[in-house]
C-alpha atoms as a PDB file:
ATOM      1  CA  UNK A   1      62.531 124.019 149.499  1.00  0.00           C
ATOM      2  CA  UNK A   2      62.820 123.397 145.918  1.00  0.00           C
ATOM      3  CA  UNK A   3      66.429 125.221 144.457  1.00  0.00           C
ATOM      4  CA  UNK A   4      64.463 127.054 141.708  1.00  0.00           C
ATOM      5  CA  UNK A   5      62.268 128.126 144.084  1.00  0.00           C
ATOM      6  CA  UNK A   6      65.175 130.252 145.671  1.00  0.00           C
ATOM      7  CA  UNK A   7      66.561 131.227 143.146  1.00  0.00           C
ATOM      8  CA  UNK A   8      62.737 133.011 141.786  1.00  0.00           C
ATOM      9  CA  UNK A   9      62.407 134.290 145.358  1.00  0.00           C
ATOM     10  CA  UNK A  10      65.104 135.912 145.118  1.00  0.00           C
ATOM     11  CA  UNK A  11      65.465 136.940 141.790  1.00  0.00           C
ATOM     12  CA  UNK A  12      61.720 139.191 142.933  1.00  0.00           C
ATOM     13  CA  UNK A  13      62.437 140.012 146.168  1.00  0.00           C
ATOM     14  CA  UNK A  14      65.943 142.108 144.873  1.00  0.00           C
ATOM     15  CA  UNK A  15      63.660 143.544 142.059  1.00  0.00           C
ATOM     16  CA  UNK A  16      61.786 144.609 144.662  1.00  0.00           C
ATOM     17  CA  UNK A  17      64.561 146.735 146.609  1.00  0.00           C
ATOM     18  CA  UNK A  18      66.343 148.091 143.267  1.00  0.00           C
ATOM     19  CA  UNK A  19      62.229 149.325 141.415  1.00  0.00           C
ATOM     20  CA  UNK A  20      61.918 150.776 145.816  1.00  0.00           C
ATOM     21  CA  UNK A  21      65.306 152.285 146.467  1.00  0.00           C
ATOM     22  CA  UNK A  22      64.351 154.146 143.034  1.00  0.00           C
ATOM     23  CA  UNK A  23      61.043 154.551 143.644  1.00  0.00           C
ATOM     24  CA  UNK A  24      61.898 156.710 146.996  1.00  0.00           C
ATOM     25  CA  UNK A  25      64.386 159.149 145.650  1.00  0.00           C
ATOM     26  CA  UNK A  26      60.829 159.780 143.311  1.00  0.00           C
ATOM     27  CA  UNK A  27      58.873 160.126 146.034  1.00  0.00           C
ATOM     28  CA  UNK A  28      60.639 162.320 148.066  1.00  0.00           C
ATOM     29  CA  UNK A  29      60.619 165.623 145.312  1.00  0.00           C
ATOM     30  CA  UNK A  30      57.241 164.519 145.433  1.00  0.00           C
ATOM     31  CA  UNK A  31      56.246 163.116 142.021  1.00  0.00           C
ATOM     32  CA  UNK A  32      53.280 161.390 140.873  1.00  0.00           C
ATOM     33  CA  UNK A  33      55.115 157.772 140.203  1.00  0.00           C
ATOM     34  CA  UNK A  34      56.931 157.463 142.694  1.00  0.00           C
ATOM     35  CA  UNK A  35      57.914 154.607 145.042  1.00  0.00           C
ATOM     36  CA  UNK A  36      55.003 151.778 145.288  1.00  0.00           C
ATOM     37  CA  UNK A  37      54.705 152.241 141.024  1.00  0.00           C
ATOM     38  CA  UNK A  38      58.715 151.993 140.897  1.00  0.00           C
ATOM     39  CA  UNK A  39      58.537 148.826 143.005  1.00  0.00           C
ATOM     40  CA  UNK A  40      56.140 147.377 140.489  1.00  0.00           C
ATOM     41  CA  UNK A  41      57.737 148.146 137.325  1.00  0.00           C
ATOM     42  CA  UNK A  42      60.806 146.474 138.446  1.00  0.00           C
ATOM     43  CA  UNK A  43      58.988 143.298 139.893  1.00  0.00           C
ATOM     44  CA  UNK A  44      56.603 142.821 136.843  1.00  0.00           C
ATOM     45  CA  UNK A  45      59.163 143.390 134.759  1.00  0.00           C
ATOM     46  CA  UNK A  46      61.776 140.426 137.099  1.00  0.00           C
ATOM     47  CA  UNK A  47      58.014 138.408 136.886  1.00  0.00           C
ATOM     48  CA  UNK A  48      57.970 138.724 133.120  1.00  0.00           C
ATOM     49  CA  UNK A  49      61.548 137.739 132.480  1.00  0.00           C
ATOM     50  CA  UNK A  50      61.234 134.564 134.599  1.00  0.00           C
ATOM     51  CA  UNK A  51      58.465 132.867 132.062  1.00  0.00           C
ATOM     52  CA  UNK A  52      61.071 133.056 129.736  1.00  0.00           C
ATOM     53  CA  UNK A  53      63.697 131.307 132.415  1.00  0.00           C
ATOM     54  CA  UNK A  54      61.943 129.047 133.025  1.00  0.00           C
ATOM     55  CA  UNK A  55      60.358 127.920 130.342  1.00  0.00           C
ATOM     56  CA  UNK A  56      60.987 124.297 130.893  1.00  0.00           C
ATOM     57  CA  UNK A  57      58.270 124.330 134.016  1.00  0.00           C
ATOM     58  CA  UNK A  58      55.360 125.490 132.057  1.00  0.00           C
ATOM     59  CA  UNK A  59      56.194 124.043 128.379  1.00  0.00           C
ATOM     60  CA  UNK A  60      55.476 120.916 127.914  1.00  0.00           C
ATOM     61  CA  UNK A  61      57.983 119.838 124.915  1.00  0.00           C
ATOM     62  CA  UNK A  62      61.015 120.416 126.925  1.00  0.00           C
ATOM     63  CA  UNK A  63      60.247 118.662 129.449  1.00  0.00           C
ATOM     64  CA  UNK A  64      59.949 115.485 127.318  1.00  0.00           C
ATOM     65  CA  UNK A  65      63.397 116.251 125.536  1.00  0.00           C
ATOM     66  CA  UNK A  66      61.847 118.249 122.508  1.00  0.00           C
ATOM     67  CA  UNK A  67      63.301 121.265 121.532  1.00  0.00           C
ATOM     68  CA  UNK A  68      61.440 123.758 121.359  1.00  0.00           C
ATOM     69  CA  UNK A  69      62.660 127.059 120.303  1.00  0.00           C
ATOM     70  CA  UNK A  70      61.355 130.816 121.714  1.00  0.00           C
ATOM     71  CA  UNK A  71      63.524 134.124 121.700  1.00  0.00           C
ATOM     72  CA  UNK A  72      63.429 135.379 125.128  1.00  0.00           C
ATOM     73  CA  UNK A  73      64.031 138.908 124.202  1.00  0.00           C
ATOM     74  CA  UNK A  74      61.026 139.099 122.467  1.00  0.00           C
ATOM     75  CA  UNK A  75      59.196 139.442 125.759  1.00  0.00           C
ATOM     76  CA  UNK A  76      62.059 141.792 126.413  1.00  0.00           C
ATOM     77  CA  UNK A  77      60.972 143.695 123.920  1.00  0.00           C
ATOM     78  CA  UNK A  78      57.353 143.481 124.326  1.00  0.00           C
ATOM     79  CA  UNK A  79      58.209 144.678 128.382  1.00  0.00           C
ATOM     80  CA  UNK A  80      59.319 147.556 127.242  1.00  0.00           C
ATOM     81  CA  UNK A  81      56.940 148.271 124.830  1.00  0.00           C
ATOM     82  CA  UNK A  82      54.610 148.270 127.655  1.00  0.00           C
ATOM     83  CA  UNK A  83      56.058 150.327 129.642  1.00  0.00           C
ATOM     84  CA  UNK A  84      56.219 152.935 127.151  1.00  0.00           C
ATOM     85  CA  UNK A  85      52.823 153.737 128.072  1.00  0.00           C
ATOM     86  CA  UNK A  86      52.947 153.933 131.294  1.00  0.00           C
ATOM     87  CA  UNK A  87      55.783 156.684 131.136  1.00  0.00           C
ATOM     88  CA  UNK A  88      53.663 158.684 128.740  1.00  0.00           C
ATOM     89  CA  UNK A  89      51.083 158.630 131.412  1.00  0.00           C
ATOM     90  CA  UNK A  90      52.941 160.976 134.001  1.00  0.00           C
ATOM     91  CA  UNK A  91      54.192 162.866 131.327  1.00  0.00           C
ATOM     92  CA  UNK A  92      51.837 166.080 131.203  1.00  0.00           C
ATOM     93  CA  UNK A  93      51.472 169.562 130.961  1.00  0.00           C
ATOM     94  CA  UNK A  94      51.514 172.788 133.032  1.00  0.00           C
ATOM     95  CA  UNK A  95      50.789 176.264 131.436  1.00  0.00           C
ATOM     96  CA  UNK A  96      53.751 176.062 129.200  1.00  0.00           C
ATOM     97  CA  UNK A  97      55.565 173.514 130.626  1.00  0.00           C
ATOM     98  CA  UNK A  98      56.097 170.092 130.898  1.00  0.00           C
ATOM     99  CA  UNK A  99      56.442 168.205 133.688  1.00  0.00           C
ATOM    100  CA  UNK A 100      57.303 164.547 134.164  1.00  0.00           C
ATOM    101  CA  UNK A 101      60.099 163.157 131.715  1.00  0.00           C
ATOM    102  CA  UNK A 102      62.921 162.343 134.064  1.00  0.00           C
ATOM    103  CA  UNK A 103      60.117 160.387 136.050  1.00  0.00           C
ATOM    104  CA  UNK A 104      58.760 158.443 132.686  1.00  0.00           C
ATOM    105  CA  UNK A 105      62.795 157.960 132.253  1.00  0.00           C
ATOM    106  CA  UNK A 106      63.370 156.313 135.455  1.00  0.00           C
ATOM    107  CA  UNK A 107      60.477 154.412 135.119  1.00  0.00           C
ATOM    108  CA  UNK A 108      61.527 152.881 131.920  1.00  0.00           C
ATOM    109  CA  UNK A 109      65.018 152.717 133.395  1.00  0.00           C
ATOM    110  CA  UNK A 110      63.915 150.794 136.317  1.00  0.00           C
ATOM    111  CA  UNK A 111      62.036 147.922 133.881  1.00  0.00           C
ATOM    112  CA  UNK A 112      65.479 147.656 132.270  1.00  0.00           C
ATOM    113  CA  UNK A 113      67.046 146.584 135.545  1.00  0.00           C
ATOM    114  CA  UNK A 114      64.029 144.401 136.221  1.00  0.00           C
ATOM    115  CA  UNK A 115      64.756 142.405 132.885  1.00  0.00           C
ATOM    116  CA  UNK A 116      68.543 142.044 133.963  1.00  0.00           C
ATOM    117  CA  UNK A 117      67.171 140.869 137.588  1.00  0.00           C
ATOM    118  CA  UNK A 118      64.633 138.454 136.009  1.00  0.00           C
ATOM    119  CA  UNK A 119      67.363 136.803 134.213  1.00  0.00           C
ATOM    120  CA  UNK A 120      69.687 136.670 136.965  1.00  0.00           C
ATOM    121  CA  UNK A 121      71.984 139.364 135.562  1.00  0.00           C
ATOM    122  CA  UNK A 122      72.442 141.030 138.756  1.00  0.00           C
ATOM    123  CA  UNK A 123      75.544 142.687 138.547  1.00  0.00           C
ATOM    124  CA  UNK A 124      74.526 145.166 135.533  1.00  0.00           C
ATOM    125  CA  UNK A 125      71.255 145.244 137.312  1.00  0.00           C
ATOM    126  CA  UNK A 126      72.548 146.241 140.654  1.00  0.00           C
ATOM    127  CA  UNK A 127      75.545 149.080 139.003  1.00  0.00           C
ATOM    128  CA  UNK A 128      73.145 150.320 136.692  1.00  0.00           C
ATOM    129  CA  UNK A 129      70.872 151.205 139.899  1.00  0.00           C
ATOM    130  CA  UNK A 130      73.334 152.763 141.605  1.00  0.00           C
ATOM    131  CA  UNK A 131      73.859 155.338 138.450  1.00  0.00           C
ATOM    132  CA  UNK A 132      70.138 155.717 137.939  1.00  0.00           C
ATOM    133  CA  UNK A 133      70.555 157.169 141.541  1.00  0.00           C
ATOM    134  CA  UNK A 134      73.702 158.655 141.233  1.00  0.00           C
ATOM    135  CA  UNK A 135      71.822 160.826 138.169  1.00  0.00           C
ATOM    136  CA  UNK A 136      68.537 161.531 139.586  1.00  0.00           C
ATOM    137  CA  UNK A 137      69.997 162.732 142.866  1.00  0.00           C
ATOM    138  CA  UNK A 138      73.747 164.036 141.967  1.00  0.00           C
ATOM    139  CA  UNK A 139      73.271 165.462 138.406  1.00  0.00           C
ATOM    140  CA  UNK A 140      69.927 167.733 139.909  1.00  0.00           C
ATOM    141  CA  UNK A 141      72.104 169.175 142.412  1.00  0.00           C
ATOM    142  CA  UNK A 142      74.702 169.686 138.968  1.00  0.00           C
ATOM    143  CA  UNK A 143      72.208 170.606 136.289  1.00  0.00           C
ATOM    144  CA  UNK A 144      70.825 173.212 139.076  1.00  0.00           C
ATOM    145  CA  UNK A 145      74.711 175.091 139.004  1.00  0.00           C
ATOM    146  CA  UNK A 146      74.799 174.987 135.585  1.00  0.00           C
ATOM    147  CA  UNK A 147      73.589 178.272 133.890  1.00  0.00           C
ATOM    148  CA  UNK A 148      70.910 177.284 131.854  1.00  0.00           C
ATOM    149  CA  UNK A 149      68.834 179.613 128.910  1.00  0.00           C
ATOM    150  CA  UNK A 150      65.097 180.121 130.861  1.00  0.00           C
ATOM    151  CA  UNK A 151      62.498 180.870 128.041  1.00  0.00           C
ATOM    152  CA  UNK A 152      59.178 182.404 128.962  1.00  0.00           C
ATOM    153  CA  UNK A 153      55.899 183.693 126.975  1.00  0.00           C
ATOM    154  CA  UNK A 154      55.408 187.246 127.095  1.00  0.00           C
ATOM    155  CA  UNK A 155      52.396 189.925 126.650  1.00  0.00           C
ATOM    156  CA  UNK A 156      52.128 193.146 128.165  1.00  0.00           C
ATOM    157  CA  UNK A 157      48.988 195.460 127.231  1.00  0.00           C
ATOM    158  CA  UNK A 158      49.067 199.371 127.056  1.00  0.00           C
ATOM    159  CA  UNK A 159      45.803 202.031 126.443  1.00  0.00           C
ATOM    160  CA  UNK A 160      45.544 201.740 122.892  1.00  0.00           C
ATOM    161  CA  UNK A 161      46.150 205.412 122.641  1.00  0.00           C
ATOM    162  CA  UNK A 162      49.073 205.207 125.171  1.00  0.00           C
ATOM    163  CA  UNK A 163      51.272 202.630 123.603  1.00  0.00           C
ATOM    164  CA  UNK A 164      54.775 202.084 125.255  1.00  0.00           C
ATOM    165  CA  UNK A 165      56.755 202.671 121.921  1.00  0.00           C
ATOM    166  CA  UNK A 166      58.125 199.018 120.998  1.00  0.00           C
ATOM    167  CA  UNK A 167      62.365 199.786 120.885  1.00  0.00           C
ATOM    168  CA  UNK A 168      61.286 201.514 124.324  1.00  0.00           C
ATOM    169  CA  UNK A 169      59.845 197.954 125.305  1.00  0.00           C
ATOM    170  CA  UNK A 170      62.858 196.040 123.850  1.00  0.00           C
ATOM    171  CA  UNK A 171      64.839 197.982 125.876  1.00  0.00           C
ATOM    172  CA  UNK A 172      63.673 198.116 129.209  1.00  0.00           C
ATOM    173  CA  UNK A 173      63.827 194.102 128.405  1.00  0.00           C
ATOM    174  CA  UNK A 174      67.293 194.218 127.419  1.00  0.00           C
ATOM    175  CA  UNK A 175      67.688 196.253 130.972  1.00  0.00           C
ATOM    176  CA  UNK A 176      66.521 192.856 132.578  1.00  0.00           C
ATOM    177  CA  UNK A 177      68.457 190.812 131.118  1.00  0.00           C
ATOM    178  CA  UNK A 178      66.253 189.022 128.162  1.00  0.00           C
ATOM    179  CA  UNK A 179      66.724 189.173 124.820  1.00  0.00           C
ATOM    180  CA  UNK A 180      63.279 189.112 122.551  1.00  0.00           C
ATOM    181  CA  UNK A 181      62.084 186.904 119.862  1.00  0.00           C
ATOM    182  CA  UNK A 182      59.991 188.143 117.005  1.00  0.00           C
ATOM    183  CA  UNK A 183      57.114 190.222 118.456  1.00  0.00           C
ATOM    184  CA  UNK A 184      52.964 189.888 117.848  1.00  0.00           C
ATOM    185  CA  UNK A 185      50.334 192.824 118.317  1.00  0.00           C
ATOM    186  CA  UNK A 186      47.219 192.994 118.364  1.00  0.00           C
ATOM    187  CA  UNK A 187      44.028 194.993 120.118  1.00  0.00           C
ATOM    188  CA  UNK A 188      42.119 193.522 122.890  1.00  0.00           C
ATOM    189  CA  UNK A 189      39.601 193.996 125.160  1.00  0.00           C
ATOM    190  CA  UNK A 190      37.166 195.827 122.759  1.00  0.00           C
ATOM    191  CA  UNK A 191      39.742 197.689 120.854  1.00  0.00           C
ATOM    192  CA  UNK A 192      40.829 199.643 124.149  1.00  0.00           C
ATOM    193  CA  UNK A 193      44.301 197.820 124.833  1.00  0.00           C
ATOM    194  CA  UNK A 194      47.122 197.007 122.375  1.00  0.00           C
ATOM    195  CA  UNK A 195      49.243 193.837 123.398  1.00  0.00           C
ATOM    196  CA  UNK A 196      52.568 193.334 122.905  1.00  0.00           C
ATOM    197  CA  UNK A 197      52.800 189.666 122.732  1.00  0.00           C
ATOM    198  CA  UNK A 198      56.562 187.746 122.235  1.00  0.00           C
ATOM    199  CA  UNK A 199      58.353 184.507 123.721  1.00  0.00           C
ATOM    200  CA  UNK A 200      61.627 186.210 126.331  1.00  0.00           C
ATOM    201  CA  UNK A 201      64.650 184.364 126.973  1.00  0.00           C
ATOM    202  CA  UNK A 202      66.869 185.243 129.601  1.00  0.00           C
ATOM    203  CA  UNK A 203      70.510 182.624 131.426  1.00  0.00           C
ATOM    204  CA  UNK A 204      68.817 184.444 134.945  1.00  0.00           C
ATOM    205  CA  UNK A 205      65.677 182.932 136.172  1.00  0.00           C
ATOM    206  CA  UNK A 206      65.721 185.714 138.713  1.00  0.00           C
ATOM    207  CA  UNK A 207      65.233 187.919 136.073  1.00  0.00           C
ATOM    208  CA  UNK A 208      62.115 187.583 135.369  1.00  0.00           C
ATOM    209  CA  UNK A 209      60.434 188.418 139.043  1.00  0.00           C
ATOM    210  CA  UNK A 210      62.604 191.863 138.534  1.00  0.00           C
ATOM    211  CA  UNK A 211      60.327 192.611 135.528  1.00  0.00           C
ATOM    212  CA  UNK A 212      57.220 191.463 137.152  1.00  0.00           C
ATOM    213  CA  UNK A 213      58.350 194.485 139.676  1.00  0.00           C
ATOM    214  CA  UNK A 214      59.056 196.627 137.220  1.00  0.00           C
ATOM    215  CA  UNK A 215      55.855 196.262 134.769  1.00  0.00           C
ATOM    216  CA  UNK A 216      54.181 196.515 137.912  1.00  0.00           C
ATOM    217  CA  UNK A 217      54.877 199.886 139.219  1.00  0.00           C
ATOM    218  CA  UNK A 218      55.234 200.972 135.436  1.00  0.00           C
ATOM    219  CA  UNK A 219      52.428 203.547 134.841  1.00  0.00           C
ATOM    220  CA  UNK A 220      51.856 202.679 131.351  1.00  0.00           C
ATOM    221  CA  UNK A 221      51.030 199.355 131.928  1.00  0.00           C
ATOM    222  CA  UNK A 222      47.309 197.725 131.924  1.00  0.00           C
ATOM    223  CA  UNK A 223      48.551 194.125 132.117  1.00  0.00           C
ATOM    224  CA  UNK A 224      51.017 191.694 131.602  1.00  0.00           C
ATOM    225  CA  UNK A 225      51.419 188.495 131.729  1.00  0.00           C
ATOM    226  CA  UNK A 226      55.372 186.017 131.958  1.00  0.00           C
ATOM    227  CA  UNK A 227      54.356 182.657 131.742  1.00  0.00           C
ATOM    228  CA  UNK A 228      58.050 180.370 132.133  1.00  0.00           C
ATOM    229  CA  UNK A 229      58.637 177.570 129.823  1.00  0.00           C
ATOM    230  CA  UNK A 230      60.658 175.865 131.720  1.00  0.00           C
ATOM    231  CA  UNK A 231      60.428 173.236 134.867  1.00  0.00           C
END
């Protein structure tokens, strides 16, 4: 067998392994772009870089001794540009939350790893694969333990003639660990209900359920909505 064919096969198989491992982590967590997507991204990136690595195979001028200068980095730039469109496809808005950013980032780094494997730069490719898996798995646990601010879109309605005063409403939210941004007001339901609208923030996501339970039991409350803006 041609030694070049063995090298090419090694590059492509390595890309399949690297992309597949990262994709398995995404599939395990139920992400839309998982095992097969990441594997194909890494394989295609490696394959396209092989085009520039083995220019002499398909550029006749080089075989005859004439120098034809090409820039392999332009292929890498084109790959990353195309991956940007694929990454955008997995980002979507769900109510007030934006999801898929991490999966888009994992697709992007998978393409970069594929490029490295395509040109035979194995050490950084393997090291980057290990780092990517660490970020996706270990950092997930670290992120879960970190205190973070959670935001929610908040709306609450009262009878137009029996409305809770704003200072009392703010105090109720403060008792449940929320701070309030600028308050908005409107009349709804053909003028029968008065509605407060705002964005609330807390450092404990469990406060949202406690607040909802309190509002559910409150005799003045006619309608309310709490829509978290974080994933």
